[in-house]
Amino acid sequence: MLPLDALRPVASAALLVAFAAEHGVPAEHTLSGTGVTAEQLRESDAEITAGQELELVRNIVRAVGDRPGLGFEVGPRYRAAIHGIWGYALISSPTVGQAVDIAARYFALSYSYSSAGLEISGDEARIWLDDSGVPQEVRGFLLERDLSGTITNWLEVFQMPLAFRRIEIAGGLLPRLQPFLANVDAELVSGTDTHAFVVDAAVLAQPMPAASPETARLLEQQCAALLHRRVQRHRLAGEVRDLLVRRGQASLGQPEVASALHMSVRTMRRRLAEEGTSFREVSAETFGMLAEELLATGLPVEQVAYRLGYAGAPSFTTAFKQWRGVTPGRFARSLGRR
């Protein structure tokens, strides 16, 4: 299962809180014991841990009841765009196979608690999910959410009819899910260790409807950088990133950061060098990522510049080109076309 201290945006938590409210559960009850505040849910660039969101899910299941089908109600709301850079990387991929490969390799950037992979055997491609480490009390709900979200996004991202040969459901959960998968044109079978969508391997060669190889390469690089940042959050580079994200000001310099971390600038430079990076690199990566996430929400370039502490769009544009090699306007337009 995904490490519970892994970071993720608050978008999923905000969606779940709204979903619970529709079922009569107030936000303060849904957030109880999670350490997440209502104010955080309104901050587009805020992050929480996977463990905090898991506790939030527990609160919903306890309050509403773990009735079959509950996860199917919320899953279709997890459209590709809510996943940020990861979702756009899938949409921009040249072929279905490359999109599935990106999805599996960077699956930790989704809101699932499962791991995922792709296996090809003969004329079959098996896209599997392993949720064996998910706590039993929320496993059914989360599997329903992930499966229904996957089916919804298959139609949205791949823009082709569902062509599953079969769907395998493990963990004894097939009886729970079967009534809600009755309209899916696929054989439903009990799996052994993992759940899986099985499709004709020839599907993987089909082109994506919104393919953009250049954009896909750029977004895959950002998926790798984002995943690295979240995994490395406990090292000094991670502490520096967290501080930069909390302050949200690109003008924040080394003296201010080092002081906030209770060390000298010299010590901070030396420790970052030992980790194979520098303050400049961490700052560029952090604010480049924040800028991309904000641009992906549709904010105008001027507003993104203001949010990151720049005097105006020109200075922000210069910095963004240094970070990513393209202007923020061009980057935003490429996402819009997708």
C-alpha atoms as a PDB file:
ATOM      1  CA  MET A   1       0.000   0.000   0.000  1.00  0.00           C
ATOM      2  CA  LEU A   2       1.057   3.615  -0.559  1.00  0.00           C
ATOM      3  CA  PRO A   3       3.131   4.931   2.402  1.00  0.00           C
ATOM      4  CA  LEU A   4       0.806   6.809   4.718  1.00  0.00           C
ATOM      5  CA  ASP A   5       3.256   9.705   5.067  1.00  0.00           C
ATOM      6  CA  ALA A   6       3.239  10.303   1.292  1.00  0.00           C
ATOM      7  CA  LEU A   7       2.026  13.756   0.314  1.00  0.00           C
ATOM      8  CA  ARG A   8      -0.958  14.421  -1.929  1.00  0.00           C
ATOM      9  CA  PRO A   9      -2.977  17.533  -2.881  1.00  0.00           C
ATOM     10  CA  VAL A  10      -6.130  18.332  -0.900  1.00  0.00           C
ATOM     11  CA  ALA A  11      -8.378  18.085  -3.978  1.00  0.00           C
ATOM     12  CA  SER A  12      -9.514  14.526  -3.188  1.00  0.00           C
ATOM     13  CA  ALA A  13     -10.116  15.334   0.490  1.00  0.00           C
ATOM     14  CA  ALA A  14     -12.194  18.371  -0.479  1.00  0.00           C
ATOM     15  CA  LEU A  15     -14.228  16.236  -2.877  1.00  0.00           C
ATOM     16  CA  LEU A  16     -14.822  13.606  -0.181  1.00  0.00           C
ATOM     17  CA  VAL A  17     -15.869  16.186   2.399  1.00  0.00           C
ATOM     18  CA  ALA A  18     -18.418  17.612  -0.047  1.00  0.00           C
ATOM     19  CA  PHE A  19     -19.629  14.083  -0.838  1.00  0.00           C
ATOM     20  CA  ALA A  20     -20.082  13.311   2.861  1.00  0.00           C
ATOM     21  CA  ALA A  21     -22.009  16.559   3.348  1.00  0.00           C
ATOM     22  CA  GLU A  22     -24.467  15.415   0.678  1.00  0.00           C
ATOM     23  CA  HIS A  23     -25.097  12.380   2.881  1.00  0.00           C
ATOM     24  CA  GLY A  24     -25.729  14.486   5.955  1.00  0.00           C
ATOM     25  CA  VAL A  25     -22.252  14.285   7.483  1.00  0.00           C
ATOM     26  CA  PRO A  26     -20.956  17.755   8.506  1.00  0.00           C
ATOM     27  CA  ALA A  27     -17.422  18.730   7.533  1.00  0.00           C
ATOM     28  CA  GLU A  28     -16.236  18.942  11.126  1.00  0.00           C
ATOM     29  CA  HIS A  29     -17.227  15.283  11.650  1.00  0.00           C
ATOM     30  CA  THR A  30     -15.559  14.146   8.411  1.00  0.00           C
ATOM     31  CA  LEU A  31     -12.351  15.989   9.341  1.00  0.00           C
ATOM     32  CA  SER A  32     -12.359  14.871  12.985  1.00  0.00           C
ATOM     33  CA  GLY A  33      -9.022  13.360  14.022  1.00  0.00           C
ATOM     34  CA  THR A  34      -7.403  13.918  10.622  1.00  0.00           C
ATOM     35  CA  GLY A  35      -5.415  17.051  11.439  1.00  0.00           C
ATOM     36  CA  VAL A  36      -6.849  18.622   8.267  1.00  0.00           C
ATOM     37  CA  THR A  37      -8.676  21.940   8.553  1.00  0.00           C
ATOM     38  CA  ALA A  38     -11.487  23.352   6.462  1.00  0.00           C
ATOM     39  CA  GLU A  39      -9.161  26.237   5.553  1.00  0.00           C
ATOM     40  CA  GLN A  40      -6.639  23.814   4.020  1.00  0.00           C
ATOM     41  CA  LEU A  41      -9.319  22.385   1.748  1.00  0.00           C
ATOM     42  CA  ARG A  42      -9.782  25.830   0.210  1.00  0.00           C
ATOM     43  CA  GLU A  43      -6.086  26.217  -0.637  1.00  0.00           C
ATOM     44  CA  SER A  44      -5.462  24.887  -4.141  1.00  0.00           C
ATOM     45  CA  ASP A  45      -1.759  24.265  -3.498  1.00  0.00           C
ATOM     46  CA  ALA A  46      -2.098  22.690  -0.022  1.00  0.00           C
ATOM     47  CA  GLU A  47      -0.966  19.112   0.595  1.00  0.00           C
ATOM     48  CA  ILE A  48      -1.891  16.522   3.225  1.00  0.00           C
ATOM     49  CA  THR A  49      -0.643  12.999   3.843  1.00  0.00           C
ATOM     50  CA  ALA A  50      -2.221   9.826   2.525  1.00  0.00           C
ATOM     51  CA  GLY A  51      -2.742   8.771   6.150  1.00  0.00           C
ATOM     52  CA  GLN A  52      -4.767  11.901   6.888  1.00  0.00           C
ATOM     53  CA  GLU A  53      -7.017  11.268   3.909  1.00  0.00           C
ATOM     54  CA  LEU A  54      -7.388   7.609   4.877  1.00  0.00           C
ATOM     55  CA  GLU A  55      -8.658   8.653   8.312  1.00  0.00           C
ATOM     56  CA  LEU A  56     -11.091  10.988   6.547  1.00  0.00           C
ATOM     57  CA  VAL A  57     -12.368   8.024   4.494  1.00  0.00           C
ATOM     58  CA  ARG A  58     -12.790   6.004   7.702  1.00  0.00           C
ATOM     59  CA  ASN A  59     -14.918   8.810   9.156  1.00  0.00           C
ATOM     60  CA  ILE A  60     -17.198   8.771   6.108  1.00  0.00           C
ATOM     61  CA  VAL A  61     -17.612   4.995   6.120  1.00  0.00           C
ATOM     62  CA  ARG A  62     -18.355   4.983   9.848  1.00  0.00           C
ATOM     63  CA  ALA A  63     -20.893   7.800   9.557  1.00  0.00           C
ATOM     64  CA  VAL A  64     -22.693   6.743   6.376  1.00  0.00           C
ATOM     65  CA  GLY A  65     -22.209   2.996   6.708  1.00  0.00           C
ATOM     66  CA  ASP A  66     -20.148   0.654   4.579  1.00  0.00           C
ATOM     67  CA  ARG A  67     -23.005  -0.159   2.246  1.00  0.00           C
ATOM     68  CA  PRO A  68     -22.204  -1.674  -1.162  1.00  0.00           C
ATOM     69  CA  GLY A  69     -22.301   0.905  -3.926  1.00  0.00           C
ATOM     70  CA  LEU A  70     -21.264   3.926  -1.849  1.00  0.00           C
ATOM     71  CA  GLY A  71     -17.877   4.108  -3.561  1.00  0.00           C
ATOM     72  CA  PHE A  72     -19.544   3.928  -6.978  1.00  0.00           C
ATOM     73  CA  GLU A  73     -21.352   7.168  -6.160  1.00  0.00           C
ATOM     74  CA  VAL A  74     -18.146   9.134  -5.623  1.00  0.00           C
ATOM     75  CA  GLY A  75     -15.738   7.428  -8.063  1.00  0.00           C
ATOM     76  CA  PRO A  76     -17.026   9.086 -11.277  1.00  0.00           C
ATOM     77  CA  ARG A  77     -16.240  12.486  -9.736  1.00  0.00           C
ATOM     78  CA  TYR A  78     -12.510  11.697  -9.938  1.00  0.00           C
ATOM     79  CA  ARG A  79     -12.107  12.961 -13.489  1.00  0.00           C
ATOM     80  CA  ALA A  80      -8.667  13.056 -15.089  1.00  0.00           C
ATOM     81  CA  ALA A  81      -8.187  16.765 -14.418  1.00  0.00           C
ATOM     82  CA  ILE A  82      -8.440  16.355 -10.622  1.00  0.00           C
ATOM     83  CA  HIS A  83      -5.180  14.376 -10.763  1.00  0.00           C
ATOM     84  CA  GLY A  84      -3.281  17.410 -12.070  1.00  0.00           C
ATOM     85  CA  ILE A  85      -0.061  16.811 -13.975  1.00  0.00           C
ATOM     86  CA  TRP A  86      -0.490  13.005 -13.828  1.00  0.00           C
ATOM     87  CA  GLY A  87      -3.918  13.206 -15.450  1.00  0.00           C
ATOM     88  CA  TYR A  88      -2.727  15.547 -18.183  1.00  0.00           C
ATOM     89  CA  ALA A  89       0.239  13.245 -18.859  1.00  0.00           C
ATOM     90  CA  LEU A  90      -2.174  10.398 -19.603  1.00  0.00           C
ATOM     91  CA  ILE A  91      -4.296  12.527 -21.923  1.00  0.00           C
ATOM     92  CA  SER A  92      -1.245  13.745 -23.880  1.00  0.00           C
ATOM     93  CA  SER A  93       0.333  10.293 -24.371  1.00  0.00           C
ATOM     94  CA  PRO A  94       0.817   9.219 -28.016  1.00  0.00           C
ATOM     95  CA  THR A  95      -0.813   5.770 -27.636  1.00  0.00           C
ATOM     96  CA  VAL A  96      -3.127   3.932 -25.257  1.00  0.00           C
ATOM     97  CA  GLY A  97      -0.236   1.672 -24.235  1.00  0.00           C
ATOM     98  CA  GLN A  98       1.983   4.614 -23.342  1.00  0.00           C
ATOM     99  CA  ALA A  99      -0.850   6.191 -21.361  1.00  0.00           C
ATOM    100  CA  VAL A 100      -1.361   2.983 -19.393  1.00  0.00           C
ATOM    101  CA  ASP A 101       2.401   2.737 -18.823  1.00  0.00           C
ATOM    102  CA  ILE A 102       2.544   6.305 -17.469  1.00  0.00           C
ATOM    103  CA  ALA A 103      -0.496   5.621 -15.301  1.00  0.00           C
ATOM    104  CA  ALA A 104       1.133   2.537 -13.775  1.00  0.00           C
ATOM    105  CA  ARG A 105       4.643   3.954 -13.289  1.00  0.00           C
ATOM    106  CA  TYR A 106       3.389   7.092 -11.579  1.00  0.00           C
ATOM    107  CA  PHE A 107       0.321   5.578  -9.955  1.00  0.00           C
ATOM    108  CA  ALA A 108       1.447   6.965  -6.597  1.00  0.00           C
ATOM    109  CA  LEU A 109       0.457  10.393  -7.959  1.00  0.00           C
ATOM    110  CA  SER A 110      -3.175   9.289  -8.150  1.00  0.00           C
ATOM    111  CA  TYR A 111      -5.470   9.300  -5.121  1.00  0.00           C
ATOM    112  CA  SER A 112      -5.578   5.515  -4.904  1.00  0.00           C
ATOM    113  CA  TYR A 113      -4.069   3.480  -2.061  1.00  0.00           C
ATOM    114  CA  SER A 114      -3.290   0.606  -4.436  1.00  0.00           C
ATOM    115  CA  SER A 115      -0.250  -0.126  -6.545  1.00  0.00           C
ATOM    116  CA  ALA A 116      -0.714  -0.783 -10.248  1.00  0.00           C
ATOM    117  CA  GLY A 117       1.027  -2.409 -13.183  1.00  0.00           C
ATOM    118  CA  LEU A 118       0.672  -3.700 -16.736  1.00  0.00           C
ATOM    119  CA  GLU A 119       1.280  -7.288 -17.824  1.00  0.00           C
ATOM    120  CA  ILE A 120       1.080  -8.523 -21.435  1.00  0.00           C
ATOM    121  CA  SER A 121       0.603 -12.205 -22.169  1.00  0.00           C
ATOM    122  CA  GLY A 122      -0.113 -13.323 -25.716  1.00  0.00           C
ATOM    123  CA  ASP A 123      -3.011 -11.265 -27.057  1.00  0.00           C
ATOM    124  CA  GLU A 124      -4.080 -10.058 -23.618  1.00  0.00           C
ATOM    125  CA  ALA A 125      -3.043  -6.966 -21.644  1.00  0.00           C
ATOM    126  CA  ARG A 126      -3.774  -7.092 -17.924  1.00  0.00           C
ATOM    127  CA  ILE A 127      -3.935  -3.812 -16.013  1.00  0.00           C
ATOM    128  CA  TRP A 128      -3.795  -4.812 -12.351  1.00  0.00           C
ATOM    129  CA  LEU A 129      -4.438  -3.138  -9.008  1.00  0.00           C
ATOM    130  CA  ASP A 130      -3.087  -4.439  -5.714  1.00  0.00           C
ATOM    131  CA  ASP A 131      -4.952  -3.145  -2.654  1.00  0.00           C
ATOM    132  CA  SER A 132      -4.040  -6.019  -0.342  1.00  0.00           C
ATOM    133  CA  GLY A 133      -2.550  -3.613   2.207  1.00  0.00           C
ATOM    134  CA  VAL A 134      -5.630  -1.387   2.468  1.00  0.00           C
ATOM    135  CA  PRO A 135      -7.442  -1.655   5.840  1.00  0.00           C
ATOM    136  CA  GLN A 136     -10.403  -4.006   5.586  1.00  0.00           C
ATOM    137  CA  GLU A 137     -12.928  -1.511   6.924  1.00  0.00           C
ATOM    138  CA  VAL A 138     -12.435   0.833   3.961  1.00  0.00           C
ATOM    139  CA  ARG A 139     -11.198  -1.600   1.293  1.00  0.00           C
ATOM    140  CA  GLY A 140     -14.587  -2.147  -0.343  1.00  0.00           C
ATOM    141  CA  PHE A 141     -15.426   1.553  -0.501  1.00  0.00           C
ATOM    142  CA  LEU A 142     -12.023   2.500  -1.929  1.00  0.00           C
ATOM    143  CA  LEU A 143     -12.075  -0.308  -4.497  1.00  0.00           C
ATOM    144  CA  GLU A 144     -15.522   0.790  -5.669  1.00  0.00           C
ATOM    145  CA  ARG A 145     -14.254   4.365  -5.919  1.00  0.00           C
ATOM    146  CA  ASP A 146     -11.138   3.375  -7.882  1.00  0.00           C
ATOM    147  CA  LEU A 147     -12.907   0.994 -10.277  1.00  0.00           C
ATOM    148  CA  SER A 148     -15.734   3.401 -11.100  1.00  0.00           C
ATOM    149  CA  GLY A 149     -13.242   6.247 -11.452  1.00  0.00           C
ATOM    150  CA  THR A 150     -11.118   4.131 -13.815  1.00  0.00           C
ATOM    151  CA  ILE A 151     -14.134   3.240 -15.960  1.00  0.00           C
ATOM    152  CA  THR A 152     -15.235   6.879 -16.109  1.00  0.00           C
ATOM    153  CA  ASN A 153     -11.763   8.053 -17.074  1.00  0.00           C
ATOM    154  CA  TRP A 154     -11.358   5.303 -19.649  1.00  0.00           C
ATOM    155  CA  LEU A 155     -14.276   6.852 -21.530  1.00  0.00           C
ATOM    156  CA  GLU A 156     -13.056  10.413 -20.960  1.00  0.00           C
ATOM    157  CA  VAL A 157      -9.346   9.931 -21.641  1.00  0.00           C
ATOM    158  CA  PHE A 158      -9.314   7.200 -24.284  1.00  0.00           C
ATOM    159  CA  GLN A 159     -12.597   8.287 -25.930  1.00  0.00           C
ATOM    160  CA  MET A 160     -13.403   4.776 -27.066  1.00  0.00           C
ATOM    161  CA  PRO A 161     -15.980   2.185 -26.003  1.00  0.00           C
ATOM    162  CA  LEU A 162     -15.124   0.009 -23.042  1.00  0.00           C
ATOM    163  CA  ALA A 163     -13.500  -3.082 -24.488  1.00  0.00           C
ATOM    164  CA  PHE A 164     -12.674  -5.130 -21.409  1.00  0.00           C
ATOM    165  CA  ARG A 165     -12.430  -8.868 -21.978  1.00  0.00           C
ATOM    166  CA  ARG A 166     -12.953  -9.446 -18.285  1.00  0.00           C
ATOM    167  CA  ILE A 167     -12.708  -7.771 -14.919  1.00  0.00           C
ATOM    168  CA  GLU A 168     -11.084  -9.702 -12.093  1.00  0.00           C
ATOM    169  CA  ILE A 169     -12.038  -8.869  -8.503  1.00  0.00           C
ATOM    170  CA  ALA A 170      -9.895 -10.327  -5.706  1.00  0.00           C
ATOM    171  CA  GLY A 171     -10.184 -10.399  -1.941  1.00  0.00           C
ATOM    172  CA  GLY A 172     -13.647 -11.947  -1.888  1.00  0.00           C
ATOM    173  CA  LEU A 173     -15.160  -8.619  -2.990  1.00  0.00           C
ATOM    174  CA  LEU A 174     -16.808  -9.817  -6.223  1.00  0.00           C
ATOM    175  CA  PRO A 175     -20.264 -10.406  -4.640  1.00  0.00           C
ATOM    176  CA  ARG A 176     -20.232  -6.854  -3.302  1.00  0.00           C
ATOM    177  CA  LEU A 177     -19.263  -5.253  -6.615  1.00  0.00           C
ATOM    178  CA  GLN A 178     -21.024  -7.528  -9.113  1.00  0.00           C
ATOM    179  CA  PRO A 179     -24.469  -5.819  -9.044  1.00  0.00           C
ATOM    180  CA  PHE A 180     -22.873  -2.456  -9.795  1.00  0.00           C
ATOM    181  CA  LEU A 181     -20.785  -3.771 -12.716  1.00  0.00           C
ATOM    182  CA  ALA A 182     -23.712  -5.483 -14.417  1.00  0.00           C
ATOM    183  CA  ASN A 183     -23.858  -2.869 -17.200  1.00  0.00           C
ATOM    184  CA  VAL A 184     -20.170  -3.260 -18.068  1.00  0.00           C
ATOM    185  CA  ASP A 185     -19.739  -5.449 -21.132  1.00  0.00           C
ATOM    186  CA  ALA A 186     -17.121  -7.775 -19.655  1.00  0.00           C
ATOM    187  CA  GLU A 187     -16.876 -11.144 -17.941  1.00  0.00           C
ATOM    188  CA  LEU A 188     -16.675 -10.750 -14.154  1.00  0.00           C
ATOM    189  CA  VAL A 189     -14.492 -13.307 -12.387  1.00  0.00           C
ATOM    190  CA  SER A 190     -12.941 -13.813  -8.952  1.00  0.00           C
ATOM    191  CA  GLY A 191      -9.278 -12.875  -8.964  1.00  0.00           C
ATOM    192  CA  THR A 192      -6.518 -14.426  -6.875  1.00  0.00           C
ATOM    193  CA  ASP A 193      -4.078 -11.807  -5.577  1.00  0.00           C
ATOM    194  CA  THR A 194      -4.974  -8.632  -7.486  1.00  0.00           C
ATOM    195  CA  HIS A 195      -7.873  -6.938  -9.217  1.00  0.00           C
ATOM    196  CA  ALA A 196      -7.507  -6.405 -12.958  1.00  0.00           C
ATOM    197  CA  PHE A 197      -8.948  -5.004 -16.155  1.00  0.00           C
ATOM    198  CA  VAL A 198      -8.093  -7.356 -19.025  1.00  0.00           C
ATOM    199  CA  VAL A 199      -8.213  -5.967 -22.575  1.00  0.00           C
ATOM    200  CA  ASP A 200      -7.139  -7.022 -26.053  1.00  0.00           C
ATOM    201  CA  ALA A 201      -3.416  -6.231 -26.316  1.00  0.00           C
ATOM    202  CA  ALA A 202      -4.005  -4.687 -29.743  1.00  0.00           C
ATOM    203  CA  VAL A 203      -5.826  -1.814 -28.003  1.00  0.00           C
ATOM    204  CA  LEU A 204      -2.501  -0.594 -26.611  1.00  0.00           C
ATOM    205  CA  ALA A 205      -1.266   0.375 -30.082  1.00  0.00           C
ATOM    206  CA  GLN A 206      -4.198   2.678 -30.782  1.00  0.00           C
ATOM    207  CA  PRO A 207      -3.408   6.423 -30.880  1.00  0.00           C
ATOM    208  CA  MET A 208      -4.746   8.683 -28.169  1.00  0.00           C
ATOM    209  CA  PRO A 209      -7.360  11.203 -29.335  1.00  0.00           C
ATOM    210  CA  ALA A 210      -5.498  14.181 -27.844  1.00  0.00           C
ATOM    211  CA  ALA A 211      -1.943  12.933 -28.371  1.00  0.00           C
ATOM    212  CA  SER A 212       0.862  15.463 -28.037  1.00  0.00           C
ATOM    213  CA  PRO A 213       4.278  13.785 -27.802  1.00  0.00           C
ATOM    214  CA  GLU A 214       6.120  17.010 -26.893  1.00  0.00           C
ATOM    215  CA  THR A 215       3.665  17.831 -24.107  1.00  0.00           C
ATOM    216  CA  ALA A 216       3.660  14.208 -22.948  1.00  0.00           C
ATOM    217  CA  ARG A 217       7.465  14.202 -22.567  1.00  0.00           C
ATOM    218  CA  LEU A 218       7.372  17.438 -20.587  1.00  0.00           C
ATOM    219  CA  LEU A 219       4.591  16.210 -18.313  1.00  0.00           C
ATOM    220  CA  GLU A 220       6.267  12.846 -17.716  1.00  0.00           C
ATOM    221  CA  GLN A 221       9.372  14.705 -16.540  1.00  0.00           C
ATOM    222  CA  GLN A 222       7.201  16.668 -14.143  1.00  0.00           C
ATOM    223  CA  CYS A 223       5.531  13.474 -12.890  1.00  0.00           C
ATOM    224  CA  ALA A 224       8.974  12.094 -12.090  1.00  0.00           C
ATOM    225  CA  ALA A 225      10.024  15.307 -10.334  1.00  0.00           C
ATOM    226  CA  LEU A 226       6.780  15.501  -8.352  1.00  0.00           C
ATOM    227  CA  LEU A 227       7.009  11.876  -7.257  1.00  0.00           C
ATOM    228  CA  HIS A 228      10.642  12.387  -6.239  1.00  0.00           C
ATOM    229  CA  ARG A 229       9.717  15.448  -4.192  1.00  0.00           C
ATOM    230  CA  ARG A 230       6.978  13.608  -2.332  1.00  0.00           C
ATOM    231  CA  VAL A 231       9.109  10.550  -1.666  1.00  0.00           C
ATOM    232  CA  GLN A 232      12.097  12.582  -0.463  1.00  0.00           C
ATOM    233  CA  ARG A 233      10.119  14.934   1.780  1.00  0.00           C
ATOM    234  CA  HIS A 234      11.913  13.841   4.996  1.00  0.00           C
ATOM    235  CA  ARG A 235      15.379  14.758   3.764  1.00  0.00           C
ATOM    236  CA  LEU A 236      16.630  18.334   4.016  1.00  0.00           C
ATOM    237  CA  ALA A 237      15.664  19.005   0.403  1.00  0.00           C
ATOM    238  CA  GLY A 238      12.155  17.932   1.331  1.00  0.00           C
ATOM    239  CA  GLU A 239      12.143  20.262   4.343  1.00  0.00           C
ATOM    240  CA  VAL A 240      13.277  23.138   2.138  1.00  0.00           C
ATOM    241  CA  ARG A 241      10.541  22.333  -0.399  1.00  0.00           C
ATOM    242  CA  ASP A 242       7.883  22.151   2.301  1.00  0.00           C
ATOM    243  CA  LEU A 243       8.950  25.540   3.647  1.00  0.00           C
ATOM    244  CA  LEU A 244       8.945  27.103   0.187  1.00  0.00           C
ATOM    245  CA  VAL A 245       5.491  25.680  -0.492  1.00  0.00           C
ATOM    246  CA  ARG A 246       4.124  26.979   2.818  1.00  0.00           C
ATOM    247  CA  ARG A 247       5.562  30.465   2.268  1.00  0.00           C
ATOM    248  CA  GLY A 248       4.647  30.429  -1.429  1.00  0.00           C
ATOM    249  CA  GLN A 249       6.994  33.280  -2.306  1.00  0.00           C
ATOM    250  CA  ALA A 250       9.596  32.751  -5.023  1.00  0.00           C
ATOM    251  CA  SER A 251      11.579  35.703  -3.666  1.00  0.00           C
ATOM    252  CA  LEU A 252      12.333  33.797  -0.451  1.00  0.00           C
ATOM    253  CA  GLY A 253      16.128  33.622  -0.175  1.00  0.00           C
ATOM    254  CA  GLN A 254      18.645  31.263   1.365  1.00  0.00           C
ATOM    255  CA  PRO A 255      19.174  33.294   4.575  1.00  0.00           C
ATOM    256  CA  GLU A 256      15.437  33.251   5.393  1.00  0.00           C
ATOM    257  CA  VAL A 257      15.092  29.534   4.647  1.00  0.00           C
ATOM    258  CA  ALA A 258      18.213  28.547   6.572  1.00  0.00           C
ATOM    259  CA  SER A 259      17.101  30.622   9.566  1.00  0.00           C
ATOM    260  CA  ALA A 260      13.654  29.011   9.536  1.00  0.00           C
ATOM    261  CA  LEU A 261      15.340  25.584   9.538  1.00  0.00           C
ATOM    262  CA  HIS A 262      17.627  26.621  12.441  1.00  0.00           C
ATOM    263  CA  MET A 263      20.927  26.321  10.595  1.00  0.00           C
ATOM    264  CA  SER A 264      23.449  28.513   8.856  1.00  0.00           C
ATOM    265  CA  VAL A 265      23.380  29.108   5.111  1.00  0.00           C
ATOM    266  CA  ARG A 266      26.731  27.332   4.845  1.00  0.00           C
ATOM    267  CA  THR A 267      25.393  24.227   6.623  1.00  0.00           C
ATOM    268  CA  MET A 268      22.265  24.182   4.478  1.00  0.00           C
ATOM    269  CA  ARG A 269      24.331  24.419   1.279  1.00  0.00           C
ATOM    270  CA  ARG A 270      26.648  21.623   2.411  1.00  0.00           C
ATOM    271  CA  ARG A 271      23.793  19.267   3.363  1.00  0.00           C
ATOM    272  CA  LEU A 272      21.922  19.938   0.144  1.00  0.00           C
ATOM    273  CA  ALA A 273      25.115  19.246  -1.821  1.00  0.00           C
ATOM    274  CA  GLU A 274      25.462  15.935   0.028  1.00  0.00           C
ATOM    275  CA  GLU A 275      21.976  15.074  -1.231  1.00  0.00           C
ATOM    276  CA  GLY A 276      23.042  15.903  -4.785  1.00  0.00           C
ATOM    277  CA  THR A 277      21.132  19.148  -5.139  1.00  0.00           C
ATOM    278  CA  SER A 278      21.294  22.857  -4.329  1.00  0.00           C
ATOM    279  CA  PHE A 279      18.988  25.581  -3.042  1.00  0.00           C
ATOM    280  CA  ARG A 280      18.647  26.971  -6.548  1.00  0.00           C
ATOM    281  CA  GLU A 281      17.621  23.584  -7.944  1.00  0.00           C
ATOM    282  CA  VAL A 282      15.149  22.902  -5.138  1.00  0.00           C
ATOM    283  CA  SER A 283      13.641  26.374  -5.493  1.00  0.00           C
ATOM    284  CA  ALA A 284      13.327  26.054  -9.284  1.00  0.00           C
ATOM    285  CA  GLU A 285      11.753  22.611  -8.990  1.00  0.00           C
ATOM    286  CA  THR A 286       9.344  23.695  -6.253  1.00  0.00           C
ATOM    287  CA  PHE A 287       8.096  26.905  -7.808  1.00  0.00           C
ATOM    288  CA  GLY A 288       8.090  25.382 -11.279  1.00  0.00           C
ATOM    289  CA  MET A 289       5.821  22.651  -9.956  1.00  0.00           C
ATOM    290  CA  LEU A 290       3.599  25.094  -8.060  1.00  0.00           C
ATOM    291  CA  ALA A 291       3.323  27.256 -11.157  1.00  0.00           C
ATOM    292  CA  GLU A 292       2.341  24.272 -13.302  1.00  0.00           C
ATOM    293  CA  GLU A 293      -0.280  23.135 -10.803  1.00  0.00           C
ATOM    294  CA  LEU A 294      -1.790  26.635 -10.667  1.00  0.00           C
ATOM    295  CA  LEU A 295      -1.713  27.028 -14.456  1.00  0.00           C
ATOM    296  CA  ALA A 296      -3.406  23.633 -14.753  1.00  0.00           C
ATOM    297  CA  THR A 297      -6.358  24.953 -12.727  1.00  0.00           C
ATOM    298  CA  GLY A 298      -6.971  27.601 -15.383  1.00  0.00           C
ATOM    299  CA  LEU A 299      -5.678  30.636 -13.471  1.00  0.00           C
ATOM    300  CA  PRO A 300      -4.402  33.421 -15.768  1.00  0.00           C
ATOM    301  CA  VAL A 301      -0.645  33.907 -15.932  1.00  0.00           C
ATOM    302  CA  GLU A 302      -0.925  37.251 -14.117  1.00  0.00           C
ATOM    303  CA  GLN A 303      -2.741  35.672 -11.162  1.00  0.00           C
ATOM    304  CA  VAL A 304      -0.244  32.811 -10.940  1.00  0.00           C
ATOM    305  CA  ALA A 305       2.576  35.373 -10.908  1.00  0.00           C
ATOM    306  CA  TYR A 306       0.882  37.244  -8.073  1.00  0.00           C
ATOM    307  CA  ARG A 307       0.254  34.032  -6.083  1.00  0.00           C
ATOM    308  CA  LEU A 308       3.951  33.182  -6.261  1.00  0.00           C
ATOM    309  CA  GLY A 309       5.101  36.607  -5.145  1.00  0.00           C
ATOM    310  CA  TYR A 310       6.210  38.121  -8.457  1.00  0.00           C
ATOM    311  CA  ALA A 311       5.726  41.798  -9.234  1.00  0.00           C
ATOM    312  CA  GLY A 312       4.052  40.952 -12.529  1.00  0.00           C
ATOM    313  CA  ALA A 313       3.733  38.545 -15.428  1.00  0.00           C
ATOM    314  CA  PRO A 314       7.003  39.534 -17.212  1.00  0.00           C
ATOM    315  CA  SER A 315       9.307  38.586 -14.321  1.00  0.00           C
ATOM    316  CA  PHE A 316       7.332  35.384 -13.719  1.00  0.00           C
ATOM    317  CA  THR A 317       7.495  34.496 -17.425  1.00  0.00           C
ATOM    318  CA  THR A 318      11.282  34.918 -17.422  1.00  0.00           C
ATOM    319  CA  ALA A 319      11.622  32.640 -14.392  1.00  0.00           C
ATOM    320  CA  PHE A 320       9.241  30.023 -15.793  1.00  0.00           C
ATOM    321  CA  LYS A 321      11.183  29.859 -19.063  1.00  0.00           C
ATOM    322  CA  GLN A 322      14.353  29.253 -17.063  1.00  0.00           C
ATOM    323  CA  TRP A 323      12.620  26.461 -15.126  1.00  0.00           C
ATOM    324  CA  ARG A 324      10.787  24.718 -17.934  1.00  0.00           C
ATOM    325  CA  GLY A 325      12.102  26.005 -21.259  1.00  0.00           C
ATOM    326  CA  VAL A 326       8.697  27.336 -22.412  1.00  0.00           C
ATOM    327  CA  THR A 327       6.593  30.348 -21.476  1.00  0.00           C
ATOM    328  CA  PRO A 328       3.786  29.857 -18.937  1.00  0.00           C
ATOM    329  CA  GLY A 329       1.276  30.943 -21.558  1.00  0.00           C
ATOM    330  CA  ARG A 330       2.415  28.262 -23.976  1.00  0.00           C
ATOM    331  CA  PHE A 331       2.387  25.667 -21.208  1.00  0.00           C
ATOM    332  CA  ALA A 332      -1.181  26.643 -20.199  1.00  0.00           C
ATOM    333  CA  ARG A 333      -2.383  26.581 -23.821  1.00  0.00           C
ATOM    334  CA  SER A 334      -0.944  23.082 -24.306  1.00  0.00           C
ATOM    335  CA  LEU A 335      -2.989  21.892 -21.318  1.00  0.00           C
ATOM    336  CA  GLY A 336      -6.085  23.664 -22.647  1.00  0.00           C
ATOM    337  CA  ARG A 337      -5.797  21.857 -25.971  1.00  0.00           C
ATOM    338  CA  ARG A 338      -5.569  18.585 -24.141  1.00  0.00           C
END
